[in-house]
Amino acid sequence: MLERLKDSYIFFDIDGTLSEYRYNDKVYSGLCPELGCQKLEDLLFSDLFYQARPLKTMQQIISQLNPKNVFILGTIVTNNEIEQKYR
């Protein structure tokens, strides 16, 4: 599969794809919908997204791809969130 991706443009999401989607020190798996709803206070003032652990498997995959063809997509709610994701 990796060989087929090498010459393609690849788009990755951040939360839950390149990094853990964690809230209140629990990994969100889709099984507990309440964990996916962060409080506005957390989005505005915490390091919620900066502290998300990168997923090693995804790092290994991306390291084997042409960096000019890899794009990171995501959505943000606050300026605090986008600053953390850029870091």
PDB file of N, CA and C in Angstrom:
ATOM      1  N   MET A   1       0.819  -1.194   0.000  1.00  0.00           N
ATOM      2  CA  MET A   1       0.000   0.000   0.000  1.00  0.00           C
ATOM      3  C   MET A   1       0.866   1.262   0.000  1.00  0.00           C
ATOM      4  N   LEU A   2       1.936   1.242   0.782  1.00  0.00           N
ATOM      5  CA  LEU A   2       2.810   2.405   0.871  1.00  0.00           C
ATOM      6  C   LEU A   2       3.408   2.761  -0.484  1.00  0.00           C
ATOM      7  N   GLU A   3       3.735   1.771  -1.269  1.00  0.00           N
ATOM      8  CA  GLU A   3       4.271   2.021  -2.615  1.00  0.00           C
ATOM      9  C   GLU A   3       3.264   2.774  -3.476  1.00  0.00           C
ATOM     10  N   ARG A   4       2.012   2.465  -3.354  1.00  0.00           N
ATOM     11  CA  ARG A   4       0.966   3.130  -4.135  1.00  0.00           C
ATOM     12  C   ARG A   4       0.779   4.574  -3.704  1.00  0.00           C
ATOM     13  N   LEU A   5       1.116   4.889  -2.460  1.00  0.00           N
ATOM     14  CA  LEU A   5       0.934   6.242  -1.941  1.00  0.00           C
ATOM     15  C   LEU A   5       2.100   7.169  -2.255  1.00  0.00           C
ATOM     16  N   LYS A   6       3.252   6.630  -2.576  1.00  0.00           N
ATOM     17  CA  LYS A   6       4.467   7.438  -2.722  1.00  0.00           C
ATOM     18  C   LYS A   6       4.350   8.562  -3.742  1.00  0.00           C
ATOM     19  N   ASP A   7       3.637   8.385  -4.824  1.00  0.00           N
ATOM     20  CA  ASP A   7       3.512   9.425  -5.840  1.00  0.00           C
ATOM     21  C   ASP A   7       2.165  10.146  -5.780  1.00  0.00           C
ATOM     22  N   SER A   8       1.414   9.912  -4.731  1.00  0.00           N
ATOM     23  CA  SER A   8       0.082  10.512  -4.599  1.00  0.00           C
ATOM     24  C   SER A   8       0.113  11.696  -3.644  1.00  0.00           C
ATOM     25  N   TYR A   9      -0.878  12.546  -3.768  1.00  0.00           N
ATOM     26  CA  TYR A   9      -1.098  13.586  -2.766  1.00  0.00           C
ATOM     27  C   TYR A   9      -1.894  12.955  -1.635  1.00  0.00           C
ATOM     28  N   ILE A  10      -1.415  13.134  -0.407  1.00  0.00           N
ATOM     29  CA  ILE A  10      -2.030  12.496   0.755  1.00  0.00           C
ATOM     30  C   ILE A  10      -2.478  13.585   1.731  1.00  0.00           C
ATOM     31  N   PHE A  11      -3.684  13.449   2.239  1.00  0.00           N
ATOM     32  CA  PHE A  11      -4.246  14.400   3.203  1.00  0.00           C
ATOM     33  C   PHE A  11      -4.549  13.650   4.494  1.00  0.00           C
ATOM     34  N   PHE A  12      -4.040  14.188   5.608  1.00  0.00           N
ATOM     35  CA  PHE A  12      -4.265  13.577   6.918  1.00  0.00           C
ATOM     36  C   PHE A  12      -4.986  14.557   7.831  1.00  0.00           C
ATOM     37  N   ASP A  13      -5.833  14.029   8.694  1.00  0.00           N
ATOM     38  CA  ASP A  13      -6.443  14.802   9.759  1.00  0.00           C
ATOM     39  C   ASP A  13      -5.509  14.726  10.964  1.00  0.00           C
ATOM     40  N   ILE A  14      -5.627  15.681  11.867  1.00  0.00           N
ATOM     41  CA  ILE A  14      -4.769  15.672  13.057  1.00  0.00           C
ATOM     42  C   ILE A  14      -5.386  14.830  14.168  1.00  0.00           C
ATOM     43  N   ASP A  15      -6.514  15.279  14.688  1.00  0.00           N
ATOM     44  CA  ASP A  15      -7.116  14.671  15.878  1.00  0.00           C
ATOM     45  C   ASP A  15      -7.641  13.270  15.605  1.00  0.00           C
ATOM     46  N   GLY A  16      -7.039  12.300  16.292  1.00  0.00           N
ATOM     47  CA  GLY A  16      -7.470  10.924  16.147  1.00  0.00           C
ATOM     48  C   GLY A  16      -6.829  10.198  14.973  1.00  0.00           C
ATOM     49  N   THR A  17      -6.058  10.896  14.157  1.00  0.00           N
ATOM     50  CA  THR A  17      -5.367  10.261  13.031  1.00  0.00           C
ATOM     51  C   THR A  17      -3.861  10.379  13.215  1.00  0.00           C
ATOM     52  N   LEU A  18      -3.360  11.600  13.354  1.00  0.00           N
ATOM     53  CA  LEU A  18      -1.924  11.810  13.578  1.00  0.00           C
ATOM     54  C   LEU A  18      -1.587  11.888  15.061  1.00  0.00           C
ATOM     55  N   SER A  19      -2.589  12.159  15.877  1.00  0.00           N
ATOM     56  CA  SER A  19      -2.368  12.217  17.325  1.00  0.00           C
ATOM     57  C   SER A  19      -3.583  11.633  18.037  1.00  0.00           C
ATOM     58  N   GLU A  20      -3.354  11.265  19.293  1.00  0.00           N
ATOM     59  CA  GLU A  20      -4.473  10.775  20.098  1.00  0.00           C
ATOM     60  C   GLU A  20      -5.531  11.857  20.212  1.00  0.00           C
ATOM     61  N   TYR A  21      -6.751  11.441  20.291  1.00  0.00           N
ATOM     62  CA  TYR A  21      -7.835  12.369  20.572  1.00  0.00           C
ATOM     63  C   TYR A  21      -8.182  12.136  22.026  1.00  0.00           C
ATOM     64  N   ARG A  22      -7.593  12.959  22.896  1.00  0.00           N
ATOM     65  CA  ARG A  22      -7.669  12.742  24.343  1.00  0.00           C
ATOM     66  C   ARG A  22      -8.366  13.925  25.003  1.00  0.00           C
ATOM     67  N   TYR A  23      -9.216  13.616  25.977  1.00  0.00           N
ATOM     68  CA  TYR A  23      -9.900  14.644  26.753  1.00  0.00           C
ATOM     69  C   TYR A  23     -10.111  14.124  28.161  1.00  0.00           C
ATOM     70  N   ASN A  24      -9.857  14.979  29.152  1.00  0.00           N
ATOM     71  CA  ASN A  24      -9.951  14.576  30.568  1.00  0.00           C
ATOM     72  C   ASN A  24      -9.123  13.323  30.832  1.00  0.00           C
ATOM     73  N   ASP A  25      -7.954  13.255  30.188  1.00  0.00           N
ATOM     74  CA  ASP A  25      -7.001  12.160  30.343  1.00  0.00           C
ATOM     75  C   ASP A  25      -7.568  10.809  29.915  1.00  0.00           C
ATOM     76  N   LYS A  26      -8.532  10.817  28.999  1.00  0.00           N
ATOM     77  CA  LYS A  26      -9.086   9.589  28.438  1.00  0.00           C
ATOM     78  C   LYS A  26      -9.026   9.692  26.920  1.00  0.00           C
ATOM     79  N   VAL A  27      -8.643   8.597  26.285  1.00  0.00           N
ATOM     80  CA  VAL A  27      -8.601   8.586  24.827  1.00  0.00           C
ATOM     81  C   VAL A  27     -10.026   8.420  24.312  1.00  0.00           C
ATOM     82  N   TYR A  28     -10.407   9.298  23.409  1.00  0.00           N
ATOM     83  CA  TYR A  28     -11.752   9.243  22.832  1.00  0.00           C
ATOM     84  C   TYR A  28     -11.786   8.189  21.751  1.00  0.00           C
ATOM     85  N   SER A  29     -12.726   7.271  21.843  1.00  0.00           N
ATOM     86  CA  SER A  29     -12.803   6.185  20.869  1.00  0.00           C
ATOM     87  C   SER A  29     -14.108   6.191  20.093  1.00  0.00           C
ATOM     88  N   GLY A  30     -14.980   7.120  20.368  1.00  0.00           N
ATOM     89  CA  GLY A  30     -16.271   7.128  19.707  1.00  0.00           C
ATOM     90  C   GLY A  30     -17.316   6.353  20.499  1.00  0.00           C
ATOM     91  N   LEU A  31     -16.867   5.577  21.487  1.00  0.00           N
ATOM     92  CA  LEU A  31     -17.795   4.789  22.286  1.00  0.00           C
ATOM     93  C   LEU A  31     -18.451   5.616  23.384  1.00  0.00           C
ATOM     94  N   CYS A  32     -17.782   6.682  23.793  1.00  0.00           N
ATOM     95  CA  CYS A  32     -18.310   7.553  24.845  1.00  0.00           C
ATOM     96  C   CYS A  32     -18.452   8.952  24.283  1.00  0.00           C
ATOM     97  N   PRO A  33     -19.583   9.296  23.712  1.00  0.00           N
ATOM     98  CA  PRO A  33     -19.744  10.586  23.034  1.00  0.00           C
ATOM     99  C   PRO A  33     -19.441  11.792  23.918  1.00  0.00           C
ATOM    100  N   GLU A  34     -19.660  11.680  25.209  1.00  0.00           N
ATOM    101  CA  GLU A  34     -19.419  12.838  26.067  1.00  0.00           C
ATOM    102  C   GLU A  34     -17.948  13.233  26.123  1.00  0.00           C
ATOM    103  N   LEU A  35     -17.035  12.326  25.831  1.00  0.00           N
ATOM    104  CA  LEU A  35     -15.611  12.653  25.865  1.00  0.00           C
ATOM    105  C   LEU A  35     -15.207  13.507  24.668  1.00  0.00           C
ATOM    106  N   GLY A  36     -15.978  13.498  23.620  1.00  0.00           N
ATOM    107  CA  GLY A  36     -15.645  14.259  22.434  1.00  0.00           C
ATOM    108  C   GLY A  36     -16.104  15.704  22.502  1.00  0.00           C
ATOM    109  N   CYS A  37     -16.714  16.095  23.592  1.00  0.00           N
ATOM    110  CA  CYS A  37     -17.247  17.458  23.723  1.00  0.00           C
ATOM    111  C   CYS A  37     -16.429  18.220  24.753  1.00  0.00           C
ATOM    112  N   GLN A  38     -15.403  18.925  24.289  1.00  0.00           N
ATOM    113  CA  GLN A  38     -14.574  19.683  25.203  1.00  0.00           C
ATOM    114  C   GLN A  38     -15.325  20.927  25.673  1.00  0.00           C
ATOM    115  N   LYS A  39     -14.973  21.374  26.847  1.00  0.00           N
ATOM    116  CA  LYS A  39     -15.548  22.609  27.371  1.00  0.00           C
ATOM    117  C   LYS A  39     -14.880  23.795  26.673  1.00  0.00           C
ATOM    118  N   LEU A  40     -15.632  24.878  26.484  1.00  0.00           N
ATOM    119  CA  LEU A  40     -15.089  26.078  25.862  1.00  0.00           C
ATOM    120  C   LEU A  40     -13.881  26.591  26.633  1.00  0.00           C
ATOM    121  N   GLU A  41     -13.922  26.497  27.952  1.00  0.00           N
ATOM    122  CA  GLU A  41     -12.786  26.933  28.783  1.00  0.00           C
ATOM    123  C   GLU A  41     -11.516  26.167  28.416  1.00  0.00           C
ATOM    124  N   ASP A  42     -11.647  24.857  28.180  1.00  0.00           N
ATOM    125  CA  ASP A  42     -10.491  24.045  27.788  1.00  0.00           C
ATOM    126  C   ASP A  42      -9.970  24.454  26.413  1.00  0.00           C
ATOM    127  N   LEU A  43     -10.887  24.706  25.483  1.00  0.00           N
ATOM    128  CA  LEU A  43     -10.479  25.107  24.141  1.00  0.00           C
ATOM    129  C   LEU A  43      -9.777  26.459  24.146  1.00  0.00           C
ATOM    130  N   LEU A  44     -10.205  27.341  25.040  1.00  0.00           N
ATOM    131  CA  LEU A  44      -9.639  28.691  25.087  1.00  0.00           C
ATOM    132  C   LEU A  44      -8.344  28.791  25.881  1.00  0.00           C
ATOM    133  N   PHE A  45      -8.207  27.998  26.949  1.00  0.00           N
ATOM    134  CA  PHE A  45      -7.108  28.245  27.883  1.00  0.00           C
ATOM    135  C   PHE A  45      -6.206  27.051  28.192  1.00  0.00           C
ATOM    136  N   SER A  46      -6.574  25.857  27.833  1.00  0.00           N
ATOM    137  CA  SER A  46      -5.730  24.713  28.197  1.00  0.00           C
ATOM    138  C   SER A  46      -4.787  24.345  27.055  1.00  0.00           C
ATOM    139  N   ASP A  47      -3.904  23.416  27.310  1.00  0.00           N
ATOM    140  CA  ASP A  47      -2.988  22.885  26.292  1.00  0.00           C
ATOM    141  C   ASP A  47      -3.503  21.551  25.767  1.00  0.00           C
ATOM    142  N   LEU A  48      -4.802  21.438  25.666  1.00  0.00           N
ATOM    143  CA  LEU A  48      -5.475  20.207  25.260  1.00  0.00           C
ATOM    144  C   LEU A  48      -4.885  19.598  23.990  1.00  0.00           C
ATOM    145  N   PHE A  49      -4.687  20.394  22.963  1.00  0.00           N
ATOM    146  CA  PHE A  49      -4.229  19.872  21.675  1.00  0.00           C
ATOM    147  C   PHE A  49      -2.711  19.777  21.606  1.00  0.00           C
ATOM    148  N   TYR A  50      -2.000  20.645  22.299  1.00  0.00           N
ATOM    149  CA  TYR A  50      -0.537  20.601  22.296  1.00  0.00           C
ATOM    150  C   TYR A  50      -0.039  19.346  23.006  1.00  0.00           C
ATOM    151  N   GLN A  51      -0.795  18.900  24.000  1.00  0.00           N
ATOM    152  CA  GLN A  51      -0.379  17.736  24.776  1.00  0.00           C
ATOM    153  C   GLN A  51      -0.805  16.413  24.148  1.00  0.00           C
ATOM    154  N   ALA A  52      -1.530  16.465  23.034  1.00  0.00           N
ATOM    155  CA  ALA A  52      -1.970  15.226  22.381  1.00  0.00           C
ATOM    156  C   ALA A  52      -0.746  14.459  21.889  1.00  0.00           C
ATOM    157  N   ARG A  53      -0.694  13.195  22.214  1.00  0.00           N
ATOM    158  CA  ARG A  53       0.458  12.358  21.874  1.00  0.00           C
ATOM    159  C   ARG A  53       0.422  11.990  20.398  1.00  0.00           C
ATOM    160  N   PRO A  54       1.522  12.254  19.661  1.00  0.00           N
ATOM    161  CA  PRO A  54       1.575  11.832  18.259  1.00  0.00           C
ATOM    162  C   PRO A  54       1.582  10.300  18.172  1.00  0.00           C
ATOM    163  N   LEU A  55       0.993   9.770  17.140  1.00  0.00           N
ATOM    164  CA  LEU A  55       0.936   8.319  16.958  1.00  0.00           C
ATOM    165  C   LEU A  55       2.150   7.863  16.155  1.00  0.00           C
ATOM    166  N   LYS A  56       2.969   7.015  16.760  1.00  0.00           N
ATOM    167  CA  LYS A  56       4.242   6.566  16.175  1.00  0.00           C
ATOM    168  C   LYS A  56       4.045   5.882  14.815  1.00  0.00           C
ATOM    169  N   THR A  57       3.014   5.081  14.675  1.00  0.00           N
ATOM    170  CA  THR A  57       2.778   4.388  13.411  1.00  0.00           C
ATOM    171  C   THR A  57       2.573   5.396  12.288  1.00  0.00           C
ATOM    172  N   MET A  58       1.803   6.439  12.559  1.00  0.00           N
ATOM    173  CA  MET A  58       1.551   7.453  11.545  1.00  0.00           C
ATOM    174  C   MET A  58       2.830   8.231  11.224  1.00  0.00           C
ATOM    175  N   GLN A  59       3.659   8.482  12.219  1.00  0.00           N
ATOM    176  CA  GLN A  59       4.933   9.159  11.982  1.00  0.00           C
ATOM    177  C   GLN A  59       5.813   8.320  11.058  1.00  0.00           C
ATOM    178  N   GLN A  60       5.838   7.014  11.272  1.00  0.00           N
ATOM    179  CA  GLN A  60       6.639   6.122  10.429  1.00  0.00           C
ATOM    180  C   GLN A  60       6.132   6.114   8.992  1.00  0.00           C
ATOM    181  N   ILE A  61       4.821   6.082   8.839  1.00  0.00           N
ATOM    182  CA  ILE A  61       4.243   6.077   7.488  1.00  0.00           C
ATOM    183  C   ILE A  61       4.581   7.375   6.768  1.00  0.00           C
ATOM    184  N   ILE A  62       4.348   8.503   7.424  1.00  0.00           N
ATOM    185  CA  ILE A  62       4.584   9.799   6.796  1.00  0.00           C
ATOM    186  C   ILE A  62       6.063   9.993   6.456  1.00  0.00           C
ATOM    187  N   SER A  63       6.947   9.471   7.292  1.00  0.00           N
ATOM    188  CA  SER A  63       8.385   9.634   7.032  1.00  0.00           C
ATOM    189  C   SER A  63       8.816   8.949   5.741  1.00  0.00           C
ATOM    190  N   GLN A  64       8.022   8.022   5.244  1.00  0.00           N
ATOM    191  CA  GLN A  64       8.363   7.296   4.017  1.00  0.00           C
ATOM    192  C   GLN A  64       7.706   7.906   2.775  1.00  0.00           C
ATOM    193  N   LEU A  65       6.937   8.974   2.973  1.00  0.00           N
ATOM    194  CA  LEU A  65       6.251   9.616   1.853  1.00  0.00           C
ATOM    195  C   LEU A  65       6.983  10.880   1.424  1.00  0.00           C
ATOM    196  N   ASN A  66       6.710  11.335   0.235  1.00  0.00           N
ATOM    197  CA  ASN A  66       7.278  12.581  -0.272  1.00  0.00           C
ATOM    198  C   ASN A  66       6.646  13.747   0.500  1.00  0.00           C
ATOM    199  N   PRO A  67       7.434  14.502   1.271  1.00  0.00           N
ATOM    200  CA  PRO A  67       6.859  15.573   2.090  1.00  0.00           C
ATOM    201  C   PRO A  67       6.138  16.653   1.283  1.00  0.00           C
ATOM    202  N   LYS A  68       6.496  16.798   0.012  1.00  0.00           N
ATOM    203  CA  LYS A  68       5.828  17.796  -0.826  1.00  0.00           C
ATOM    204  C   LYS A  68       4.404  17.370  -1.183  1.00  0.00           C
ATOM    205  N   ASN A  69       4.105  16.088  -0.984  1.00  0.00           N
ATOM    206  CA  ASN A  69       2.783  15.564  -1.321  1.00  0.00           C
ATOM    207  C   ASN A  69       1.916  15.289  -0.100  1.00  0.00           C
ATOM    208  N   VAL A  70       2.409  15.625   1.084  1.00  0.00           N
ATOM    209  CA  VAL A  70       1.667  15.358   2.315  1.00  0.00           C
ATOM    210  C   VAL A  70       1.076  16.666   2.843  1.00  0.00           C
ATOM    211  N   PHE A  71      -0.216  16.644   3.114  1.00  0.00           N
ATOM    212  CA  PHE A  71      -0.924  17.818   3.626  1.00  0.00           C
ATOM    213  C   PHE A  71      -1.676  17.442   4.890  1.00  0.00           C
ATOM    214  N   ILE A  72      -1.663  18.361   5.853  1.00  0.00           N
ATOM    215  CA  ILE A  72      -2.355  18.150   7.118  1.00  0.00           C
ATOM    216  C   ILE A  72      -3.602  19.029   7.135  1.00  0.00           C
ATOM    217  N   LEU A  73      -4.735  18.417   7.357  1.00  0.00           N
ATOM    218  CA  LEU A  73      -5.996  19.132   7.437  1.00  0.00           C
ATOM    219  C   LEU A  73      -6.546  19.024   8.850  1.00  0.00           C
ATOM    220  N   GLY A  74      -7.336  19.949   9.197  1.00  0.00           N
ATOM    221  CA  GLY A  74      -7.983  19.886  10.498  1.00  0.00           C
ATOM    222  C   GLY A  74      -8.949  21.038  10.637  1.00  0.00           C
ATOM    223  N   THR A  75      -9.687  21.009  11.679  1.00  0.00           N
ATOM    224  CA  THR A  75     -10.599  22.104  11.927  1.00  0.00           C
ATOM    225  C   THR A  75     -10.284  22.684  13.291  1.00  0.00           C
ATOM    226  N   ILE A  76     -10.597  23.908  13.472  1.00  0.00           N
ATOM    227  CA  ILE A  76     -10.323  24.566  14.750  1.00  0.00           C
ATOM    228  C   ILE A  76     -11.557  25.332  15.184  1.00  0.00           C
ATOM    229  N   VAL A  77     -11.639  25.573  16.485  1.00  0.00           N
ATOM    230  CA  VAL A  77     -12.727  26.363  17.046  1.00  0.00           C
ATOM    231  C   VAL A  77     -12.186  27.678  17.587  1.00  0.00           C
ATOM    232  N   THR A  78     -10.958  27.650  18.127  1.00  0.00           N
ATOM    233  CA  THR A  78     -10.392  28.847  18.759  1.00  0.00           C
ATOM    234  C   THR A  78      -8.978  29.112  18.239  1.00  0.00           C
ATOM    235  N   ASN A  79      -8.507  30.345  18.432  1.00  0.00           N
ATOM    236  CA  ASN A  79      -7.131  30.686  18.076  1.00  0.00           C
ATOM    237  C   ASN A  79      -6.143  29.887  18.912  1.00  0.00           C
ATOM    238  N   ASN A  80      -6.475  29.629  20.162  1.00  0.00           N
ATOM    239  CA  ASN A  80      -5.622  28.837  21.038  1.00  0.00           C
ATOM    240  C   ASN A  80      -5.395  27.449  20.438  1.00  0.00           C
ATOM    241  N   GLU A  81      -6.432  26.867  19.907  1.00  0.00           N
ATOM    242  CA  GLU A  81      -6.337  25.534  19.315  1.00  0.00           C
ATOM    243  C   GLU A  81      -5.431  25.535  18.092  1.00  0.00           C
ATOM    244  N   ILE A  82      -5.574  26.500  17.217  1.00  0.00           N
ATOM    245  CA  ILE A  82      -4.746  26.521  16.000  1.00  0.00           C
ATOM    246  C   ILE A  82      -3.276  26.762  16.343  1.00  0.00           C
ATOM    247  N   GLU A  83      -2.997  27.608  17.323  1.00  0.00           N
ATOM    248  CA  GLU A  83      -1.619  27.827  17.736  1.00  0.00           C
ATOM    249  C   GLU A  83      -0.987  26.544  18.252  1.00  0.00           C
ATOM    250  N   GLN A  84      -1.752  25.772  19.022  1.00  0.00           N
ATOM    251  CA  GLN A  84      -1.245  24.511  19.548  1.00  0.00           C
ATOM    252  C   GLN A  84      -0.986  23.506  18.435  1.00  0.00           C
ATOM    253  N   LYS A  85      -1.887  23.440  17.473  1.00  0.00           N
ATOM    254  CA  LYS A  85      -1.719  22.475  16.386  1.00  0.00           C
ATOM    255  C   LYS A  85      -0.537  22.839  15.495  1.00  0.00           C
ATOM    256  N   TYR A  86      -0.281  24.113  15.311  1.00  0.00           N
ATOM    257  CA  TYR A  86       0.902  24.531  14.550  1.00  0.00           C
ATOM    258  C   TYR A  86       2.177  24.137  15.280  1.00  0.00           C
ATOM    259  N   ARG A  87       2.199  24.304  16.613  1.00  0.00           N
ATOM    260  CA  ARG A  87       3.396  23.907  17.383  1.00  0.00           C
ATOM    261  C   ARG A  87       3.596  22.419  17.247  1.00  0.00           C
TER     262      ARG A  87
END
